[in-house]
């Protein structure tokens, strides 16, 4: 599949934490001809290159899940109470459309609703919204209709009802779930490009599950494989629309972000330095960041004695219903990963 079409499909795919199956299916379709693929019970997709192995083992990861929702209860009037999966700002969820996957695997449209202003008391109008104030309406009038006609039950999953589009003139994608579907696309393309080369290294990869609810899938992956090094792809939050200029560290169209620090990890300084040197050697634009929040699967792998770097692809408005990401940042992320893998060797690794 062409890169643009693949990114659009990955973005639009239904894949909240705990139900990454559709995303895994897309990835397997793209790589199974040259990668051995297996799924574990958490729905992590773990891949190993079929040809050419070497002593140095490098692992690539991108998480397949997106922030979403899970149905908690069904009210007698047919409205659905739900809980968030991952980090949401409640005000960004109200009045938006969602897709709920029903028992038959079909997507049911719904609207996130709250009490209309016509019925709110004066003291309620400026109240900070909480998820307890929100419900999902699928157009039903009773609990029985929701269950029997719509096929929705407690435990059904939901995501933003957003299809990805691409602006060819400006090379910009607009869609949902670029955290981390743009990372999944970069991982796939890196594997495809490496397949054409003789690199003399063992390559494995994962599309990991449940990152948005505590990096749970990565913990399972690390129990199953023991690589020497890891490159973690991410759709990192862009900061170029609200930060002062001197604080902007993940702007769109300025290159992938190499993160030195977040609340989950201090990036391996020697591996990070090597990555920055490779970017300079090949004139690949990159950005460096130090984050007061955030966290990635690198927070798990680096505690398993695996030097890890994070290659982030800037994404405006991550963890909302609509996000922008740039084709050129994606391409530079792929190129950076490939050059890092090509240039790494046992001697360099021994000095980490």
Protein backbone atom coordinates (compact mmCIF):
# COMPACT_ATOMS: atom_id res chain seq x y z
CA UNK A 1 0.00 0.00 0.00
CA UNK A 2 1.24 3.52 -0.77
CA UNK A 3 2.47 5.48 2.24
CA UNK A 4 -0.27 8.11 2.14
CA UNK A 5 -3.01 5.49 1.92
CA UNK A 6 -1.41 3.44 4.68
CA UNK A 7 -1.20 6.41 7.06
CA UNK A 8 -4.83 7.28 6.35
CA UNK A 9 -5.94 3.70 6.98
CA UNK A 10 -3.95 3.40 10.19
CA UNK A 11 -5.30 6.69 11.50
CA UNK A 12 -8.92 5.80 10.75
CA UNK A 13 -8.63 2.23 12.09
CA UNK A 14 -10.56 1.39 15.25
CA UNK A 15 -8.03 0.65 17.98
CA UNK A 16 -8.54 1.91 21.54
CA UNK A 17 -6.42 0.44 24.32
CA UNK A 18 -7.46 -3.19 24.73
CA UNK A 19 -8.89 -3.59 21.21
CA UNK A 20 -5.99 -3.07 18.82
CA UNK A 21 -7.01 -5.94 16.50
CA UNK A 22 -7.82 -3.81 13.43
CA UNK A 23 -4.49 -2.01 13.60
CA UNK A 24 -2.62 -5.29 13.99
CA UNK A 25 -4.40 -6.65 10.90
CA UNK A 26 -3.29 -3.67 8.80
CA UNK A 27 0.33 -4.04 9.93
CA UNK A 28 0.41 -7.80 9.31
CA UNK A 29 -0.92 -7.27 5.78
CA UNK A 30 1.98 -4.91 5.09
CA UNK A 31 4.90 -6.88 6.53
CA UNK A 32 4.03 -10.59 6.75
CA UNK A 33 5.76 -11.38 3.45
CA UNK A 34 9.17 -10.62 4.95
CA UNK A 35 8.58 -10.63 8.74
CA UNK A 36 7.56 -13.56 10.93
CA UNK A 37 4.55 -12.28 12.87
CA UNK A 38 2.90 -13.54 16.02
CA UNK A 39 0.32 -12.09 18.40
CA UNK A 40 0.37 -12.66 22.13
CA UNK A 41 -2.65 -12.74 24.42
CA UNK A 42 -2.49 -8.97 24.98
CA UNK A 43 -2.70 -8.42 21.19
CA UNK A 44 0.89 -7.25 20.92
CA UNK A 45 2.15 -7.95 17.42
CA UNK A 46 5.75 -9.18 17.61
CA UNK A 47 7.76 -9.43 14.39
CA UNK A 48 11.14 -10.88 13.45
CA UNK A 49 12.95 -10.41 10.16
CA UNK A 50 12.94 -13.63 8.14
CA UNK A 51 16.32 -13.17 6.46
CA UNK A 52 19.82 -12.20 7.50
CA UNK A 53 20.69 -12.12 11.15
CA UNK A 54 23.63 -10.68 13.02
CA UNK A 55 24.88 -10.61 16.56
CA UNK A 56 23.61 -7.09 17.26
CA UNK A 57 19.85 -7.18 17.91
CA UNK A 58 17.86 -3.96 17.36
CA UNK A 59 14.17 -3.70 18.23
CA UNK A 60 11.67 -1.19 16.84
CA UNK A 61 8.43 -0.36 18.61
CA UNK A 62 5.33 1.74 18.07
CA UNK A 63 2.15 1.35 20.07
CA UNK A 64 -1.00 0.44 18.17
CA UNK A 65 -3.59 1.74 20.60
CA UNK A 66 -5.23 5.13 20.71
CA UNK A 67 -6.97 6.98 23.52
CA UNK A 68 -10.63 5.98 23.54
CA UNK A 69 -13.54 5.04 25.74
CA UNK A 70 -15.30 2.02 27.26
CA UNK A 71 -19.01 1.69 28.02
CA UNK A 72 -19.60 1.46 31.76
CA UNK A 73 -23.39 1.22 31.98
CA UNK A 74 -26.61 1.64 30.00
CA UNK A 75 -29.34 3.85 31.46
CA UNK A 76 -33.02 2.85 31.22
CA UNK A 77 -33.55 5.64 28.66
CA UNK A 78 -30.87 4.24 26.34
CA UNK A 79 -28.08 6.70 27.11
CA UNK A 80 -24.63 5.23 27.73
CA UNK A 81 -22.34 6.04 30.63
CA UNK A 82 -18.66 5.62 29.73
CA UNK A 83 -15.13 5.92 31.05
CA UNK A 84 -11.99 7.26 29.33
CA UNK A 85 -9.18 5.00 28.16
CA UNK A 86 -6.04 7.13 28.37
CA UNK A 87 -5.52 10.82 29.01
CA UNK A 88 -8.40 13.05 27.93
CA UNK A 89 -9.42 16.61 28.76
CA UNK A 90 -13.13 16.23 29.40
CA UNK A 91 -14.16 19.46 27.65
CA UNK A 92 -12.59 18.18 24.40
CA UNK A 93 -14.92 15.16 24.42
CA UNK A 94 -18.30 16.86 24.85
CA UNK A 95 -20.50 17.23 21.73
CA UNK A 96 -18.27 15.01 19.56
CA UNK A 97 -19.19 11.98 17.46
CA UNK A 98 -17.86 8.54 18.40
CA UNK A 99 -17.81 5.07 16.88
CA UNK A 100 -18.81 2.21 19.19
CA UNK A 101 -17.91 -1.32 18.08
CA UNK A 102 -20.89 -3.61 18.72
CA UNK A 103 -21.07 -7.36 19.28
CA UNK A 104 -21.04 -8.07 15.53
CA UNK A 105 -17.95 -5.92 15.00
CA UNK A 106 -19.91 -3.14 13.30
CA UNK A 107 -19.36 0.52 14.14
CA UNK A 108 -22.32 2.37 15.62
CA UNK A 109 -22.28 6.17 15.56
CA UNK A 110 -23.05 8.05 18.72
CA UNK A 111 -22.84 11.59 20.07
CA UNK A 112 -21.26 12.58 23.38
CA UNK A 113 -23.92 14.62 25.14
CA UNK A 114 -24.37 16.66 28.29
CA UNK A 115 -27.26 18.58 29.78
CA UNK A 116 -28.32 21.34 27.31
CA UNK A 117 -28.02 24.96 28.45
CA UNK A 118 -31.83 25.26 28.38
CA UNK A 119 -32.02 22.93 31.39
CA UNK A 120 -28.95 23.93 33.38
CA UNK A 121 -29.14 26.03 36.50
CA UNK A 122 -27.12 29.23 36.64
CA UNK A 123 -24.57 27.72 39.03
CA UNK A 124 -24.08 24.73 36.71
CA UNK A 125 -23.18 26.70 33.59
CA UNK A 126 -19.61 27.49 34.58
CA UNK A 127 -18.92 24.19 36.29
CA UNK A 128 -15.85 22.24 35.21
CA UNK A 129 -17.03 19.21 33.24
CA UNK A 130 -16.30 15.70 34.48
CA UNK A 131 -16.88 12.40 32.73
CA UNK A 132 -19.74 11.81 35.13
CA UNK A 133 -21.48 14.75 33.39
CA UNK A 134 -21.21 13.15 29.94
CA UNK A 135 -23.17 10.40 28.21
CA UNK A 136 -23.24 8.85 24.75
CA UNK A 137 -26.48 8.93 22.75
CA UNK A 138 -26.82 6.47 19.83
CA UNK A 139 -30.40 7.49 19.07
CA UNK A 140 -32.04 4.75 21.13
CA UNK A 141 -34.91 5.22 23.58
CA UNK A 142 -34.39 2.31 25.96
CA UNK A 143 -31.77 0.02 27.41
CA UNK A 144 -33.37 -2.94 25.64
CA UNK A 145 -33.10 -1.18 22.28
CA UNK A 146 -29.39 -0.45 22.84
CA UNK A 147 -28.69 -4.07 23.68
CA UNK A 148 -30.98 -5.85 21.20
CA UNK A 149 -31.09 -3.46 18.23
CA UNK A 150 -27.72 -1.74 18.38
CA UNK A 151 -25.73 -4.68 19.76
CA UNK A 152 -24.00 -2.54 22.37
CA UNK A 153 -23.32 -3.78 25.88
CA UNK A 154 -21.29 -3.00 28.97
CA UNK A 155 -17.61 -3.26 28.01
CA UNK A 156 -18.08 -2.13 24.40
CA UNK A 157 -15.26 0.08 23.16
CA UNK A 158 -15.49 3.48 21.47
CA UNK A 159 -13.20 5.91 19.63
CA UNK A 160 -13.56 9.32 17.93
CA UNK A 161 -15.60 9.03 14.72
CA UNK A 162 -12.95 10.64 12.52
CA UNK A 163 -11.68 9.58 9.08
CA UNK A 164 -8.22 10.73 8.05
CA UNK A 165 -7.66 13.08 5.10
CA UNK A 166 -4.50 14.30 3.34
CA UNK A 167 -3.74 17.77 1.96
CA UNK A 168 -1.33 17.07 -0.91
CA UNK A 169 -0.44 20.72 -1.49
CA UNK A 170 0.78 21.23 2.09
CA UNK A 171 1.70 17.58 2.79
CA UNK A 172 -0.42 17.51 5.93
CA UNK A 173 -2.60 14.80 7.42
CA UNK A 174 -5.70 15.60 9.46
CA UNK A 175 -7.14 12.72 11.45
CA UNK A 176 -7.27 10.95 14.78
CA UNK A 177 -4.85 8.68 16.64
CA UNK A 178 -1.55 9.94 15.21
CA UNK A 179 -0.36 9.09 18.71
CA UNK A 180 0.84 6.59 17.68
CA UNK A 181 -0.43 5.53 14.24
CA UNK A 182 2.05 7.84 12.51
CA UNK A 183 4.69 5.95 14.51
CA UNK A 184 3.22 2.63 13.33
CA UNK A 185 3.49 3.84 9.72
CA UNK A 186 7.11 4.91 10.27
CA UNK A 187 7.93 1.51 11.76
CA UNK A 188 6.36 -0.30 8.78
CA UNK A 189 8.21 1.82 6.23
CA UNK A 190 11.52 1.40 8.08
CA UNK A 191 11.08 -2.38 7.98
CA UNK A 192 10.23 -2.26 4.27
CA UNK A 193 13.28 -0.15 3.44
CA UNK A 194 15.61 -2.33 5.52
CA UNK A 195 14.32 -5.41 3.73
CA UNK A 196 16.00 -4.14 0.56
CA UNK A 197 19.41 -3.92 2.28
CA UNK A 198 22.02 -6.24 3.75
CA UNK A 199 22.53 -4.78 7.19
CA UNK A 200 24.07 -7.71 9.08
CA UNK A 201 21.92 -7.24 12.17
CA UNK A 202 19.01 -8.98 13.82
CA UNK A 203 15.87 -6.87 13.53
CA UNK A 204 12.69 -7.35 15.53
CA UNK A 205 9.72 -5.08 15.97
CA UNK A 206 6.47 -4.72 17.87
CA UNK A 207 3.15 -2.99 17.55
CA UNK A 208 2.50 -2.91 21.26
CA UNK A 209 -0.85 -2.77 23.01
CA UNK A 210 -2.25 -0.63 25.81
CA UNK A 211 0.45 2.04 25.91
CA UNK A 212 -2.10 4.74 26.68
CA UNK A 213 -3.16 3.04 29.92
CA UNK A 214 0.29 2.47 31.39
CA UNK A 215 2.65 0.94 28.79
CA UNK A 216 1.20 -2.47 29.67
CA UNK A 217 1.84 -4.12 26.31
CA UNK A 218 5.51 -3.16 26.33
CA UNK A 219 5.97 -4.94 29.63
CA UNK A 220 4.75 -8.13 27.99
CA UNK A 221 6.94 -7.61 24.90
CA UNK A 222 10.04 -7.19 27.05
CA UNK A 223 9.30 -10.48 28.77
CA UNK A 224 9.38 -12.24 25.41
CA UNK A 225 12.35 -10.72 23.61
CA UNK A 226 15.73 -9.45 24.78
CA UNK A 227 17.18 -7.03 22.21
CA UNK A 228 20.41 -5.11 22.63
CA UNK A 229 18.97 -1.74 21.63
CA UNK A 230 15.55 -0.22 21.03
CA UNK A 231 14.16 2.58 18.88
CA UNK A 232 10.73 3.71 20.01
CA UNK A 233 8.60 5.57 17.46
CA UNK A 234 6.02 7.97 18.87
CA UNK A 235 3.47 10.52 17.76
CA UNK A 236 4.69 13.23 20.11
CA UNK A 237 2.61 16.27 21.09
CA UNK A 238 3.57 19.31 19.01
CA UNK A 239 4.05 22.49 21.00
CA UNK A 240 4.33 25.10 18.26
CA UNK A 241 0.81 26.51 18.66
CA UNK A 242 0.99 27.58 22.30
CA UNK A 243 4.59 27.77 23.59
CA UNK A 244 6.84 30.81 23.52
CA UNK A 245 9.26 30.60 20.60
CA UNK A 246 12.30 29.76 22.71
CA UNK A 247 10.43 26.83 24.30
CA UNK A 248 9.21 25.21 21.07
CA UNK A 249 10.80 21.74 20.86
CA UNK A 250 8.40 19.76 18.66
CA UNK A 251 7.17 22.00 15.86
CA UNK A 252 5.57 20.63 12.71
CA UNK A 253 7.83 20.44 9.64
CA UNK A 254 11.02 20.93 11.68
CA UNK A 255 11.96 17.25 11.82
CA UNK A 256 11.44 14.38 14.25
CA UNK A 257 11.98 14.94 17.96
CA UNK A 258 14.70 13.22 19.99
CA UNK A 259 13.56 13.39 23.60
CA UNK A 260 16.19 13.65 26.34
CA UNK A 261 13.80 13.41 29.28
CA UNK A 262 10.19 12.85 30.29
CA UNK A 263 8.54 11.55 33.45
CA UNK A 264 9.06 7.94 32.36
CA UNK A 265 12.75 7.96 31.38
CA UNK A 266 16.05 9.73 31.06
CA UNK A 267 17.14 8.82 27.55
CA UNK A 268 20.38 6.84 27.34
CA UNK A 269 22.86 9.73 26.88
CA UNK A 270 25.35 7.86 24.68
CA UNK A 271 22.73 6.38 22.38
CA UNK A 272 21.05 9.79 22.17
CA UNK A 273 24.36 11.46 21.31
CA UNK A 274 24.96 8.86 18.60
CA UNK A 275 21.49 9.50 17.12
CA UNK A 276 22.12 13.25 17.04
CA UNK A 277 25.49 12.69 15.34
CA UNK A 278 23.83 10.53 12.69
CA UNK A 279 21.22 13.22 12.06
CA UNK A 280 23.99 15.77 11.58
CA UNK A 281 26.03 13.47 9.34
CA UNK A 282 23.12 12.91 6.95
CA UNK A 283 21.63 16.42 7.21
CA UNK A 284 18.40 15.12 8.72
CA UNK A 285 16.53 17.88 10.57
CA UNK A 286 15.80 16.93 14.18
CA UNK A 287 14.49 18.64 17.29
CA UNK A 288 15.56 17.99 20.86
CA UNK A 289 13.25 18.15 23.84
CA UNK A 290 13.07 17.93 27.60
CA UNK A 291 9.49 17.28 28.73
CA UNK A 292 7.95 17.98 32.13
CA UNK A 293 5.26 15.35 31.47
CA UNK A 294 4.53 12.56 29.04
CA UNK A 295 5.84 9.04 28.83
CA UNK A 296 6.52 6.37 26.23
CA UNK A 297 7.24 2.66 25.92
CA UNK A 298 10.87 3.63 26.25
CA UNK A 299 10.10 4.07 29.92
CA UNK A 300 9.70 0.29 30.12
CA UNK A 301 12.51 -0.91 27.84
CA UNK A 302 15.22 1.29 29.35
CA UNK A 303 14.63 -0.28 32.77
CA UNK A 304 15.23 -3.71 31.18
CA UNK A 305 18.89 -2.78 30.55
CA UNK A 306 18.15 -1.92 26.91
CA UNK A 307 19.56 1.42 25.69
CA UNK A 308 16.58 3.18 24.15
CA UNK A 309 15.90 6.32 22.14
CA UNK A 310 12.55 7.82 21.20
CA UNK A 311 12.00 9.19 17.69
CA UNK A 312 8.90 11.36 17.96
CA UNK A 313 6.89 12.62 15.00
CA UNK A 314 5.24 15.92 15.98
CA UNK A 315 1.44 15.75 16.23
CA UNK A 316 -0.68 18.81 16.91
CA UNK A 317 -3.53 18.30 19.41
CA UNK A 318 -2.70 14.75 20.47
CA UNK A 319 -5.32 13.11 22.69
CA UNK A 320 -8.15 15.03 21.03
CA UNK A 321 -10.55 14.10 18.24
CA UNK A 322 -8.57 15.83 15.45
CA UNK A 323 -4.80 16.07 14.96
CA UNK A 324 -2.39 17.33 12.32
CA UNK A 325 0.87 15.66 11.36
CA UNK A 326 3.34 16.29 8.54
CA UNK A 327 4.49 13.95 5.79
CA UNK A 328 7.98 15.45 5.78
CA UNK A 329 8.46 14.87 9.52
CA UNK A 330 7.33 11.28 8.99
CA UNK A 331 9.81 10.77 6.14
CA UNK A 332 12.68 12.26 8.14
CA UNK A 333 11.83 9.99 11.09
CA UNK A 334 12.04 6.94 8.82
CA UNK A 335 15.32 8.10 7.30
CA UNK A 336 16.82 8.79 10.74
CA UNK A 337 15.88 5.34 12.04
CA UNK A 338 17.32 3.64 8.97
CA UNK A 339 20.62 5.50 9.13
CA UNK A 340 20.97 4.82 12.86
CA UNK A 341 20.41 1.09 12.26
CA UNK A 342 22.82 0.99 9.32
CA UNK A 343 25.60 2.80 11.20
CA UNK A 344 25.31 0.88 14.46
CA UNK A 345 27.77 -1.94 15.05
CA UNK A 346 29.03 -4.05 17.91
CA UNK A 347 31.94 -1.72 18.67
CA UNK A 348 29.66 1.33 18.97
CA UNK A 349 27.20 -0.67 21.08
CA UNK A 350 29.99 -1.83 23.41
CA UNK A 351 30.75 1.82 24.18
CA UNK A 352 27.16 2.52 25.26
